[in-house]
All heavy atoms as atom14 arrays in JSON, in Angstrom:
{
  "sequence": "LKIPDAIICATALVNNATLLTNDKQLLKLPRLQTKSMAI",
  "atom14_mask": [
    [1, 1, 1, 1, 1, 1, 1, 1, 0, 0, 0, 0, 0, 0],
    [1, 1, 1, 1, 1, 1, 1, 1, 1, 0, 0, 0, 0, 0],
    [1, 1, 1, 1, 1, 1, 1, 1, 0, 0, 0, 0, 0, 0],
    [1, 1, 1, 1, 1, 1, 1, 0, 0, 0, 0, 0, 0, 0],
    [1, 1, 1, 1, 1, 1, 1, 1, 0, 0, 0, 0, 0, 0],
    [1, 1, 1, 1, 1, 0, 0, 0, 0, 0, 0, 0, 0, 0],
    [1, 1, 1, 1, 1, 1, 1, 1, 0, 0, 0, 0, 0, 0],
    [1, 1, 1, 1, 1, 1, 1, 1, 0, 0, 0, 0, 0, 0],
    [1, 1, 1, 1, 1, 1, 0, 0, 0, 0, 0, 0, 0, 0],
    [1, 1, 1, 1, 1, 0, 0, 0, 0, 0, 0, 0, 0, 0],
    [1, 1, 1, 1, 1, 1, 1, 0, 0, 0, 0, 0, 0, 0],
    [1, 1, 1, 1, 1, 0, 0, 0, 0, 0, 0, 0, 0, 0],
    [1, 1, 1, 1, 1, 1, 1, 1, 0, 0, 0, 0, 0, 0],
    [1, 1, 1, 1, 1, 1, 1, 0, 0, 0, 0, 0, 0, 0],
    [1, 1, 1, 1, 1, 1, 1, 1, 0, 0, 0, 0, 0, 0],
    [1, 1, 1, 1, 1, 1, 1, 1, 0, 0, 0, 0, 0, 0],
    [1, 1, 1, 1, 1, 0, 0, 0, 0, 0, 0, 0, 0, 0],
    [1, 1, 1, 1, 1, 1, 1, 0, 0, 0, 0, 0, 0, 0],
    [1, 1, 1, 1, 1, 1, 1, 1, 0, 0, 0, 0, 0, 0],
    [1, 1, 1, 1, 1, 1, 1, 1, 0, 0, 0, 0, 0, 0],
    [1, 1, 1, 1, 1, 1, 1, 0, 0, 0, 0, 0, 0, 0],
    [1, 1, 1, 1, 1, 1, 1, 1, 0, 0, 0, 0, 0, 0],
    [1, 1, 1, 1, 1, 1, 1, 1, 0, 0, 0, 0, 0, 0],
    [1, 1, 1, 1, 1, 1, 1, 1, 1, 0, 0, 0, 0, 0],
    [1, 1, 1, 1, 1, 1, 1, 1, 1, 0, 0, 0, 0, 0],
    [1, 1, 1, 1, 1, 1, 1, 1, 0, 0, 0, 0, 0, 0],
    [1, 1, 1, 1, 1, 1, 1, 1, 0, 0, 0, 0, 0, 0],
    [1, 1, 1, 1, 1, 1, 1, 1, 1, 0, 0, 0, 0, 0],
    [1, 1, 1, 1, 1, 1, 1, 1, 0, 0, 0, 0, 0, 0],
    [1, 1, 1, 1, 1, 1, 1, 0, 0, 0, 0, 0, 0, 0],
    [1, 1, 1, 1, 1, 1, 1, 1, 1, 1, 1, 0, 0, 0],
    [1, 1, 1, 1, 1, 1, 1, 1, 0, 0, 0, 0, 0, 0],
    [1, 1, 1, 1, 1, 1, 1, 1, 1, 0, 0, 0, 0, 0],
    [1, 1, 1, 1, 1, 1, 1, 0, 0, 0, 0, 0, 0, 0],
    [1, 1, 1, 1, 1, 1, 1, 1, 1, 0, 0, 0, 0, 0],
    [1, 1, 1, 1, 1, 1, 0, 0, 0, 0, 0, 0, 0, 0],
    [1, 1, 1, 1, 1, 1, 1, 1, 0, 0, 0, 0, 0, 0],
    [1, 1, 1, 1, 1, 0, 0, 0, 0, 0, 0, 0, 0, 0],
    [1, 1, 1, 1, 1, 1, 1, 1, 0, 0, 0, 0, 0, 0]
  ],
  "atom14_positions": [
    [[64.27, 148.09, -50.47], [64.02, 146.65, -50.27], [62.54, 146.41, -50.14], [61.75, 147.25, -49.66], [64.72, 146.17, -49.05], [66.26, 146.2, -48.98], [66.77, 145.7, -47.62], [66.88, 145.42, -50.12], [0.0, 0.0, 0.0], [0.0, 0.0, 0.0], [0.0, 0.0, 0.0], [0.0, 0.0, 0.0], [0.0, 0.0, 0.0], [0.0, 0.0, 0.0]],
    [[62.14, 145.15, -50.52], [60.8, 144.7, -50.19], [60.69, 144.61, -48.65], [61.74, 144.31, -47.98], [60.51, 143.33, -50.82], [60.54, 143.33, -52.31], [60.28, 141.95, -52.81], [60.87, 141.78, -54.21], [60.98, 140.38, -54.62], [0.0, 0.0, 0.0], [0.0, 0.0, 0.0], [0.0, 0.0, 0.0], [0.0, 0.0, 0.0], [0.0, 0.0, 0.0]],
    [[59.54, 144.81, -48.12], [59.38, 144.83, -46.69], [59.86, 143.51, -46.02], [60.6, 143.56, -45.03], [57.97, 145.18, -46.25], [57.7, 146.7, -46.6], [57.69, 144.9, -44.76], [56.29, 147.19, -46.41], [0.0, 0.0, 0.0], [0.0, 0.0, 0.0], [0.0, 0.0, 0.0], [0.0, 0.0, 0.0], [0.0, 0.0, 0.0], [0.0, 0.0, 0.0]],
    [[59.48, 142.29, -46.58], [60.03, 141.11, -45.95], [61.54, 141.02, -45.94], [62.15, 140.7, -44.92], [59.43, 139.95, -46.78], [58.22, 140.58, -47.42], [58.53, 142.02, -47.63], [0.0, 0.0, 0.0], [0.0, 0.0, 0.0], [0.0, 0.0, 0.0], [0.0, 0.0, 0.0], [0.0, 0.0, 0.0], [0.0, 0.0, 0.0], [0.0, 0.0, 0.0]],
    [[62.18, 141.42, -47.04], [63.67, 141.44, -47.1], [64.23, 142.46, -46.1], [65.25, 142.2, -45.45], [64.19, 141.77, -48.48], [64.0, 140.6, -49.47], [63.78, 139.46, -49.0], [64.01, 140.9, -50.69], [0.0, 0.0, 0.0], [0.0, 0.0, 0.0], [0.0, 0.0, 0.0], [0.0, 0.0, 0.0], [0.0, 0.0, 0.0], [0.0, 0.0, 0.0]],
    [[63.58, 143.61, -45.95], [64.05, 144.61, -45.02], [63.99, 144.06, -43.61], [64.92, 144.33, -42.81], [63.25, 145.89, -45.16], [0.0, 0.0, 0.0], [0.0, 0.0, 0.0], [0.0, 0.0, 0.0], [0.0, 0.0, 0.0], [0.0, 0.0, 0.0], [0.0, 0.0, 0.0], [0.0, 0.0, 0.0], [0.0, 0.0, 0.0], [0.0, 0.0, 0.0]],
    [[62.95, 143.38, -43.26], [62.76, 142.82, -41.92], [63.86, 141.73, -41.61], [64.43, 141.71, -40.56], [61.36, 142.31, -41.65], [60.37, 143.52, -41.67], [61.26, 141.58, -40.33], [58.9, 143.12, -41.68], [0.0, 0.0, 0.0], [0.0, 0.0, 0.0], [0.0, 0.0, 0.0], [0.0, 0.0, 0.0], [0.0, 0.0, 0.0], [0.0, 0.0, 0.0]],
    [[64.06, 140.86, -42.61], [65.05, 139.78, -42.44], [66.45, 140.41, -42.28], [67.2, 140.01, -41.4], [64.97, 138.85, -43.61], [63.68, 138.02, -43.56], [66.22, 137.89, -43.61], [63.39, 137.24, -44.83], [0.0, 0.0, 0.0], [0.0, 0.0, 0.0], [0.0, 0.0, 0.0], [0.0, 0.0, 0.0], [0.0, 0.0, 0.0], [0.0, 0.0, 0.0]],
    [[66.78, 141.42, -43.06], [68.08, 142.1, -42.96], [68.22, 142.82, -41.65], [69.28, 142.81, -40.96], [68.3, 143.04, -44.12], [68.5, 142.23, -45.72], [0.0, 0.0, 0.0], [0.0, 0.0, 0.0], [0.0, 0.0, 0.0], [0.0, 0.0, 0.0], [0.0, 0.0, 0.0], [0.0, 0.0, 0.0], [0.0, 0.0, 0.0], [0.0, 0.0, 0.0]],
    [[67.17, 143.46, -41.25], [67.17, 144.21, -39.99], [67.36, 143.25, -38.81], [68.04, 143.58, -37.84], [65.86, 145.0, -39.84], [0.0, 0.0, 0.0], [0.0, 0.0, 0.0], [0.0, 0.0, 0.0], [0.0, 0.0, 0.0], [0.0, 0.0, 0.0], [0.0, 0.0, 0.0], [0.0, 0.0, 0.0], [0.0, 0.0, 0.0], [0.0, 0.0, 0.0]],
    [[66.8, 142.09, -38.9], [66.93, 141.09, -37.85], [68.41, 140.71, -37.7], [68.94, 140.63, -36.61], [66.07, 139.81, -38.16], [64.69, 140.2, -38.26], [66.26, 138.78, -37.06], [0.0, 0.0, 0.0], [0.0, 0.0, 0.0], [0.0, 0.0, 0.0], [0.0, 0.0, 0.0], [0.0, 0.0, 0.0], [0.0, 0.0, 0.0], [0.0, 0.0, 0.0]],
    [[69.1, 140.52, -38.83], [70.53, 140.19, -38.78], [71.34, 141.4, -38.21], [72.17, 141.16, -37.36], [71.01, 139.82, -40.18], [0.0, 0.0, 0.0], [0.0, 0.0, 0.0], [0.0, 0.0, 0.0], [0.0, 0.0, 0.0], [0.0, 0.0, 0.0], [0.0, 0.0, 0.0], [0.0, 0.0, 0.0], [0.0, 0.0, 0.0], [0.0, 0.0, 0.0]],
    [[71.05, 142.61, -38.67], [71.75, 143.76, -38.23], [71.63, 144.01, -36.73], [72.59, 144.21, -36.01], [71.31, 145.04, -38.96], [71.89, 145.19, -40.36], [71.14, 146.27, -41.13], [73.34, 145.47, -40.3], [0.0, 0.0, 0.0], [0.0, 0.0, 0.0], [0.0, 0.0, 0.0], [0.0, 0.0, 0.0], [0.0, 0.0, 0.0], [0.0, 0.0, 0.0]],
    [[70.36, 143.94, -36.23], [70.11, 144.18, -34.8], [70.75, 143.14, -33.95], [71.19, 143.45, -32.8], [68.58, 144.27, -34.57], [68.21, 144.25, -33.11], [68.0, 145.57, -35.26], [0.0, 0.0, 0.0], [0.0, 0.0, 0.0], [0.0, 0.0, 0.0], [0.0, 0.0, 0.0], [0.0, 0.0, 0.0], [0.0, 0.0, 0.0], [0.0, 0.0, 0.0]],
    [[70.89, 141.91, -34.43], [71.45, 140.83, -33.64], [72.9, 140.58, -33.94], [73.43, 139.57, -33.52], [70.66, 139.56, -33.84], [69.27, 139.71, -33.2], [69.2, 139.64, -31.98], [68.25, 139.92, -33.98], [0.0, 0.0, 0.0], [0.0, 0.0, 0.0], [0.0, 0.0, 0.0], [0.0, 0.0, 0.0], [0.0, 0.0, 0.0], [0.0, 0.0, 0.0]],
    [[73.54, 141.55, -34.66], [74.94, 141.46, -35.02], [75.34, 140.09, -35.57], [76.25, 139.46, -35.19], [75.83, 141.77, -33.79], [77.26, 142.1, -34.16], [77.5, 142.61, -35.24], [78.19, 141.8, -33.29], [0.0, 0.0, 0.0], [0.0, 0.0, 0.0], [0.0, 0.0, 0.0], [0.0, 0.0, 0.0], [0.0, 0.0, 0.0], [0.0, 0.0, 0.0]],
    [[74.5, 139.66, -36.55], [74.69, 138.36, -37.17], [74.98, 138.5, -38.64], [74.66, 139.5, -39.29], [73.41, 137.53, -36.95], [0.0, 0.0, 0.0], [0.0, 0.0, 0.0], [0.0, 0.0, 0.0], [0.0, 0.0, 0.0], [0.0, 0.0, 0.0], [0.0, 0.0, 0.0], [0.0, 0.0, 0.0], [0.0, 0.0, 0.0], [0.0, 0.0, 0.0]],
    [[75.54, 137.49, -39.2], [75.76, 137.33, -40.64], [74.54, 136.73, -41.22], [74.05, 135.69, -40.77], [77.03, 136.51, -40.88], [78.18, 137.06, -40.29], [77.27, 136.31, -42.37], [0.0, 0.0, 0.0], [0.0, 0.0, 0.0], [0.0, 0.0, 0.0], [0.0, 0.0, 0.0], [0.0, 0.0, 0.0], [0.0, 0.0, 0.0], [0.0, 0.0, 0.0]],
    [[74.07, 137.37, -42.31], [72.9, 136.81, -43.01], [73.34, 135.86, -44.07], [74.11, 136.22, -44.98], [72.07, 137.98, -43.66], [70.84, 137.53, -44.4], [69.81, 136.95, -43.41], [70.25, 138.69, -45.16], [0.0, 0.0, 0.0], [0.0, 0.0, 0.0], [0.0, 0.0, 0.0], [0.0, 0.0, 0.0], [0.0, 0.0, 0.0], [0.0, 0.0, 0.0]],
    [[72.91, 134.64, -44.04], [73.14, 133.62, -45.09], [72.07, 133.82, -46.12], [70.88, 133.69, -45.83], [73.03, 132.24, -44.52], [74.0, 131.88, -43.37], [73.69, 130.44, -42.81], [75.46, 131.96, -43.85], [0.0, 0.0, 0.0], [0.0, 0.0, 0.0], [0.0, 0.0, 0.0], [0.0, 0.0, 0.0], [0.0, 0.0, 0.0], [0.0, 0.0, 0.0]],
    [[72.51, 134.21, -47.36], [71.53, 134.47, -48.4], [72.18, 134.28, -49.73], [73.36, 134.44, -49.9], [70.95, 135.92, -48.29], [69.93, 136.09, -49.25], [72.02, 136.96, -48.46], [0.0, 0.0, 0.0], [0.0, 0.0, 0.0], [0.0, 0.0, 0.0], [0.0, 0.0, 0.0], [0.0, 0.0, 0.0], [0.0, 0.0, 0.0], [0.0, 0.0, 0.0]],
    [[71.34, 133.98, -50.73], [71.84, 133.99, -52.08], [71.11, 135.03, -52.9], [71.16, 135.04, -54.15], [71.63, 132.59, -52.71], [72.7, 131.61, -52.31], [73.65, 132.02, -51.56], [72.56, 130.36, -52.67], [0.0, 0.0, 0.0], [0.0, 0.0, 0.0], [0.0, 0.0, 0.0], [0.0, 0.0, 0.0], [0.0, 0.0, 0.0], [0.0, 0.0, 0.0]],
    [[70.47, 135.97, -52.23], [69.8, 137.09, -52.89], [70.83, 138.13, -53.26], [71.51, 138.72, -52.39], [68.77, 137.7, -51.95], [67.93, 138.76, -52.58], [68.49, 139.75, -53.14], [66.7, 138.72, -52.41], [0.0, 0.0, 0.0], [0.0, 0.0, 0.0], [0.0, 0.0, 0.0], [0.0, 0.0, 0.0], [0.0, 0.0, 0.0], [0.0, 0.0, 0.0]],
    [[71.05, 138.33, -54.54], [72.12, 139.26, -55.04], [71.92, 140.65, -54.5], [72.93, 141.31, -54.22], [72.13, 139.27, -56.57], [72.61, 137.93, -57.13], [72.57, 137.9, -58.62], [73.0, 136.55, -59.11], [72.84, 136.33, -60.55], [0.0, 0.0, 0.0], [0.0, 0.0, 0.0], [0.0, 0.0, 0.0], [0.0, 0.0, 0.0], [0.0, 0.0, 0.0]],
    [[70.71, 141.14, -54.38], [70.51, 142.46, -53.84], [70.98, 142.6, -52.41], [71.65, 143.56, -51.97], [69.02, 142.91, -53.97], [68.82, 144.37, -53.47], [67.34, 144.75, -53.5], [66.45, 143.9, -53.62], [67.06, 146.07, -53.46], [0.0, 0.0, 0.0], [0.0, 0.0, 0.0], [0.0, 0.0, 0.0], [0.0, 0.0, 0.0], [0.0, 0.0, 0.0]],
    [[70.65, 141.6, -51.56], [70.98, 141.62, -50.19], [72.52, 141.43, -49.99], [73.07, 141.98, -49.03], [70.25, 140.53, -49.38], [68.68, 140.62, -49.5], [68.06, 139.57, -48.59], [68.21, 142.01, -49.23], [0.0, 0.0, 0.0], [0.0, 0.0, 0.0], [0.0, 0.0, 0.0], [0.0, 0.0, 0.0], [0.0, 0.0, 0.0], [0.0, 0.0, 0.0]],
    [[73.15, 140.67, -50.84], [74.61, 140.42, -50.75], [75.38, 141.75, -50.91], [76.53, 141.8, -50.44], [75.07, 139.38, -51.73], [74.63, 137.93, -51.41], [74.86, 137.05, -52.62], [75.36, 137.43, -50.21], [0.0, 0.0, 0.0], [0.0, 0.0, 0.0], [0.0, 0.0, 0.0], [0.0, 0.0, 0.0], [0.0, 0.0, 0.0], [0.0, 0.0, 0.0]],
    [[74.81, 142.72, -51.57], [75.45, 143.99, -51.88], [75.25, 145.04, -50.82], [75.84, 146.14, -50.91], [75.01, 144.51, -53.19], [75.36, 143.66, -54.38], [74.8, 144.25, -55.67], [74.96, 143.33, -56.86], [74.35, 143.87, -58.03], [0.0, 0.0, 0.0], [0.0, 0.0, 0.0], [0.0, 0.0, 0.0], [0.0, 0.0, 0.0], [0.0, 0.0, 0.0]],
    [[74.37, 144.82, -49.87], [74.05, 145.87, -48.9], [75.24, 146.27, -48.03], [75.91, 145.36, -47.45], [72.89, 145.45, -47.99], [71.53, 145.38, -48.64], [70.47, 144.84, -47.61], [71.1, 146.71, -49.17], [0.0, 0.0, 0.0], [0.0, 0.0, 0.0], [0.0, 0.0, 0.0], [0.0, 0.0, 0.0], [0.0, 0.0, 0.0], [0.0, 0.0, 0.0]],
    [[75.49, 147.52, -47.9], [76.57, 147.99, -47.02], [76.15, 147.75, -45.53], [74.97, 147.72, -45.24], [76.75, 149.49, -47.3], [75.45, 149.88, -47.95], [74.84, 148.66, -48.58], [0.0, 0.0, 0.0], [0.0, 0.0, 0.0], [0.0, 0.0, 0.0], [0.0, 0.0, 0.0], [0.0, 0.0, 0.0], [0.0, 0.0, 0.0], [0.0, 0.0, 0.0]],
    [[77.07, 147.61, -44.66], [76.84, 147.43, -43.25], [76.3, 146.05, -42.87], [76.44, 145.66, -41.69], [75.95, 148.45, -42.6], [76.39, 149.86, -42.63], [75.51, 150.85, -41.93], [74.09, 150.52, -42.01], [73.29, 150.36, -40.99], [73.71, 150.48, -39.78], [72.02, 150.07, -41.12], [0.0, 0.0, 0.0], [0.0, 0.0, 0.0], [0.0, 0.0, 0.0]],
    [[75.74, 145.34, -43.77], [75.14, 144.03, -43.49], [76.2, 142.9, -43.8], [76.69, 142.87, -44.92], [73.9, 143.78, -44.3], [73.22, 142.42, -44.12], [72.66, 142.29, -42.66], [72.06, 142.25, -45.1], [0.0, 0.0, 0.0], [0.0, 0.0, 0.0], [0.0, 0.0, 0.0], [0.0, 0.0, 0.0], [0.0, 0.0, 0.0], [0.0, 0.0, 0.0]],
    [[76.53, 142.16, -42.82], [77.45, 141.03, -43.04], [76.65, 139.89, -43.68], [75.59, 139.52, -43.17], [78.03, 140.53, -41.73], [78.88, 141.59, -41.02], [79.39, 140.99, -39.71], [79.6, 139.83, -39.49], [79.55, 141.95, -38.76], [0.0, 0.0, 0.0], [0.0, 0.0, 0.0], [0.0, 0.0, 0.0], [0.0, 0.0, 0.0], [0.0, 0.0, 0.0]],
    [[77.17, 139.46, -44.84], [76.36, 138.4, -45.58], [77.36, 137.3, -46.01], [78.6, 137.54, -46.09], [75.74, 138.95, -46.83], [76.77, 139.54, -47.68], [74.68, 139.98, -46.51], [0.0, 0.0, 0.0], [0.0, 0.0, 0.0], [0.0, 0.0, 0.0], [0.0, 0.0, 0.0], [0.0, 0.0, 0.0], [0.0, 0.0, 0.0], [0.0, 0.0, 0.0]],
    [[76.8, 136.14, -46.25], [77.55, 135.05, -46.8], [76.67, 134.23, -47.73], [75.51, 133.92, -47.36], [78.04, 134.14, -45.67], [78.85, 132.92, -46.14], [79.26, 132.04, -44.99], [80.02, 130.81, -45.57], [80.2, 129.81, -44.6], [0.0, 0.0, 0.0], [0.0, 0.0, 0.0], [0.0, 0.0, 0.0], [0.0, 0.0, 0.0], [0.0, 0.0, 0.0]],
    [[77.12, 134.03, -48.91], [76.31, 133.17, -49.85], [76.66, 131.71, -49.62], [77.71, 131.37, -49.09], [76.59, 133.62, -51.31], [77.91, 133.36, -51.64], [0.0, 0.0, 0.0], [0.0, 0.0, 0.0], [0.0, 0.0, 0.0], [0.0, 0.0, 0.0], [0.0, 0.0, 0.0], [0.0, 0.0, 0.0], [0.0, 0.0, 0.0], [0.0, 0.0, 0.0]],
    [[75.78, 130.83, -50.05], [75.97, 129.45, -49.9], [75.96, 128.71, -51.27], [75.03, 129.09, -52.09], [74.86, 128.87, -49.02], [74.7, 129.49, -47.67], [75.89, 128.94, -46.45], [75.37, 127.27, -46.15], [0.0, 0.0, 0.0], [0.0, 0.0, 0.0], [0.0, 0.0, 0.0], [0.0, 0.0, 0.0], [0.0, 0.0, 0.0], [0.0, 0.0, 0.0]],
    [[76.87, 127.87, -51.48], [76.89, 127.16, -52.84], [75.7, 126.19, -52.92], [75.36, 125.55, -51.94], [78.21, 126.44, -53.0], [0.0, 0.0, 0.0], [0.0, 0.0, 0.0], [0.0, 0.0, 0.0], [0.0, 0.0, 0.0], [0.0, 0.0, 0.0], [0.0, 0.0, 0.0], [0.0, 0.0, 0.0], [0.0, 0.0, 0.0], [0.0, 0.0, 0.0]],
    [[75.22, 126.07, -54.12], [74.08, 125.21, -54.4], [74.6, 124.01, -55.22], [75.48, 124.14, -56.06], [73.02, 125.95, -55.23], [72.55, 127.26, -54.55], [71.83, 125.06, -55.55], [72.04, 127.06, -53.17], [0.0, 0.0, 0.0], [0.0, 0.0, 0.0], [0.0, 0.0, 0.0], [0.0, 0.0, 0.0], [0.0, 0.0, 0.0], [0.0, 0.0, 0.0]]
  ]
}
């Protein structure tokens, strides 16, 4: 991951939160809870 993306994902993981994102790479990460949002 790019460093900014890694930090944003890590913030969600450490805080046991779901990451709201439409970034296709981040939506596929294992262990990270994600949710996409319709545009």
